[in-house]
Protein backbone atom coordinates (compact mmCIF):
# COMPACT_ATOMS: atom_id res chain seq x y z
CA MET A 1 21.38 11.22 5.34
CA GLU A 2 22.07 7.69 4.23
CA LYS A 3 25.10 6.85 2.14
CA GLN A 4 24.40 7.40 -1.55
CA THR A 5 25.27 4.56 -3.92
CA ALA A 6 23.18 5.40 -7.01
CA GLY A 7 26.17 6.70 -8.96
CA ARG A 8 28.20 3.55 -8.46
CA THR A 9 25.19 1.31 -8.97
CA GLN A 10 24.12 2.92 -12.25
CA LEU A 11 27.37 4.32 -13.66
CA GLY A 12 30.22 2.83 -11.66
CA GLU A 13 31.72 0.76 -14.45
CA PHE A 14 30.94 3.19 -17.27
CA ALA A 15 31.85 6.48 -15.54
CA PRO A 16 33.60 5.78 -12.24
CA ASN A 17 34.70 9.40 -11.72
CA PHE A 18 31.17 10.72 -12.20
CA ALA A 19 29.89 8.03 -9.82
CA HIS A 20 32.47 9.10 -7.24
CA TYR A 21 31.54 12.80 -7.56
CA ASN A 22 27.83 11.94 -7.29
CA ASP A 23 28.04 9.59 -4.33
CA ASP A 24 30.97 10.96 -2.34
CA ILE A 25 31.10 14.67 -3.13
CA LEU A 26 27.56 15.79 -4.06
CA PHE A 27 25.57 13.45 -1.79
CA GLY A 28 28.39 12.86 0.68
CA GLU A 29 30.29 16.04 1.50
CA ASN A 30 27.87 18.61 0.06
CA TRP A 31 24.64 17.17 1.48
CA ASN A 32 26.27 16.70 4.88
CA ASP A 33 27.73 20.22 5.09
CA LYS A 34 26.29 21.67 8.31
CA SER A 35 26.14 25.28 7.04
CA ILE A 36 22.62 24.61 5.69
CA ASP A 37 20.13 22.37 7.48
CA LEU A 38 18.72 19.42 5.53
CA LYS A 39 15.19 20.82 5.27
CA THR A 40 16.45 24.05 3.71
CA ARG A 41 18.83 22.13 1.44
CA CYS A 42 15.91 19.99 0.24
CA ILE A 43 13.83 23.09 -0.54
CA ILE A 44 16.70 24.71 -2.44
CA THR A 45 17.22 21.55 -4.48
CA VAL A 46 13.54 21.22 -5.42
CA VAL A 47 13.47 24.89 -6.48
CA ALA A 48 16.68 24.50 -8.52
CA LEU A 49 15.37 21.43 -10.34
CA MET A 50 11.99 23.07 -10.92
CA SER A 51 13.58 26.21 -12.31
CA SER A 52 15.66 24.10 -14.69
CA GLY A 53 12.57 22.26 -15.91
CA ILE A 54 13.77 18.92 -14.51
CA THR A 55 10.66 16.84 -13.83
CA ASP A 56 12.07 13.34 -14.07
CA ASN A 57 12.96 10.78 -11.40
CA SER A 58 15.60 13.09 -9.93
CA LEU A 59 12.92 15.62 -8.96
CA LYS A 60 10.74 12.81 -7.63
CA TYR A 61 13.65 11.64 -5.47
CA HIS A 62 14.21 15.14 -4.14
CA LEU A 63 10.51 15.68 -3.42
CA GLU A 64 10.52 12.43 -1.44
CA ASN A 65 13.68 13.55 0.33
CA ALA A 66 12.08 16.91 1.16
CA LYS A 67 9.08 15.16 2.68
CA LYS A 68 11.36 12.82 4.64
CA ASN A 69 13.30 15.81 5.97
CA GLY A 70 10.26 17.69 7.27
CA VAL A 71 8.88 19.73 4.38
CA THR A 72 5.13 19.50 4.84
CA ARG A 73 2.55 19.27 2.06
CA GLU A 74 1.43 22.82 2.80
CA GLU A 75 4.99 24.11 2.70
CA MET A 76 5.70 22.30 -0.57
CA ALA A 77 2.52 23.67 -2.14
CA GLY A 78 3.60 27.17 -1.12
CA ILE A 79 7.14 26.63 -2.39
CA ILE A 80 5.95 25.39 -5.78
CA THR A 81 3.36 28.16 -6.11
CA HIS A 82 5.84 30.89 -5.20
CA THR A 83 8.52 29.51 -7.50
CA ALA A 84 6.09 29.14 -10.43
CA PHE A 85 5.67 32.93 -10.56
CA TYR A 86 9.40 33.28 -11.19
CA VAL A 87 10.26 30.24 -13.32
CA GLY A 88 7.04 29.61 -15.26
CA TRP A 89 3.52 28.43 -14.60
CA PRO A 90 3.85 25.24 -16.71
CA LYS A 91 6.82 24.18 -14.58
CA GLY A 92 4.63 24.64 -11.52
CA TRP A 93 1.96 22.38 -12.99
CA ALA A 94 4.54 19.73 -13.82
CA VAL A 95 6.01 19.77 -10.32
CA PHE A 96 2.58 19.74 -8.68
CA ASN A 97 1.75 16.58 -10.63
CA LEU A 98 4.75 14.85 -9.05
CA ALA A 99 4.29 16.42 -5.61
CA LYS A 100 0.68 15.28 -5.40
CA GLU A 101 1.87 11.68 -5.70
CA ILE A 102 4.57 12.12 -3.06
CA TYR A 103 2.30 13.90 -0.59
CA LYS A 104 -0.89 11.89 -1.20
CA ASP A 105 -1.00 10.44 2.31
């Protein structure tokens, strides 16, 4: 995983501690913890965001990251469908709208 700089880029001057936690702890230490492989970690993150109703750029980023780390279109469709039964059908629709763009090729 590449070094994350979004926190410092977007919030570094305004909220340096938050930027540090985002870039160094969440996307540094946590995302590089070897107890869960990256593909599984990507799936968990997409499901967590979907279940929270987060359908903004952060979900788009994590869908792209899932694709980059080996989650296929078929797997993602199955993940979203399965999760929709538990977290709500409208959330499934919203996530599919983003996923279709990410997995269009």
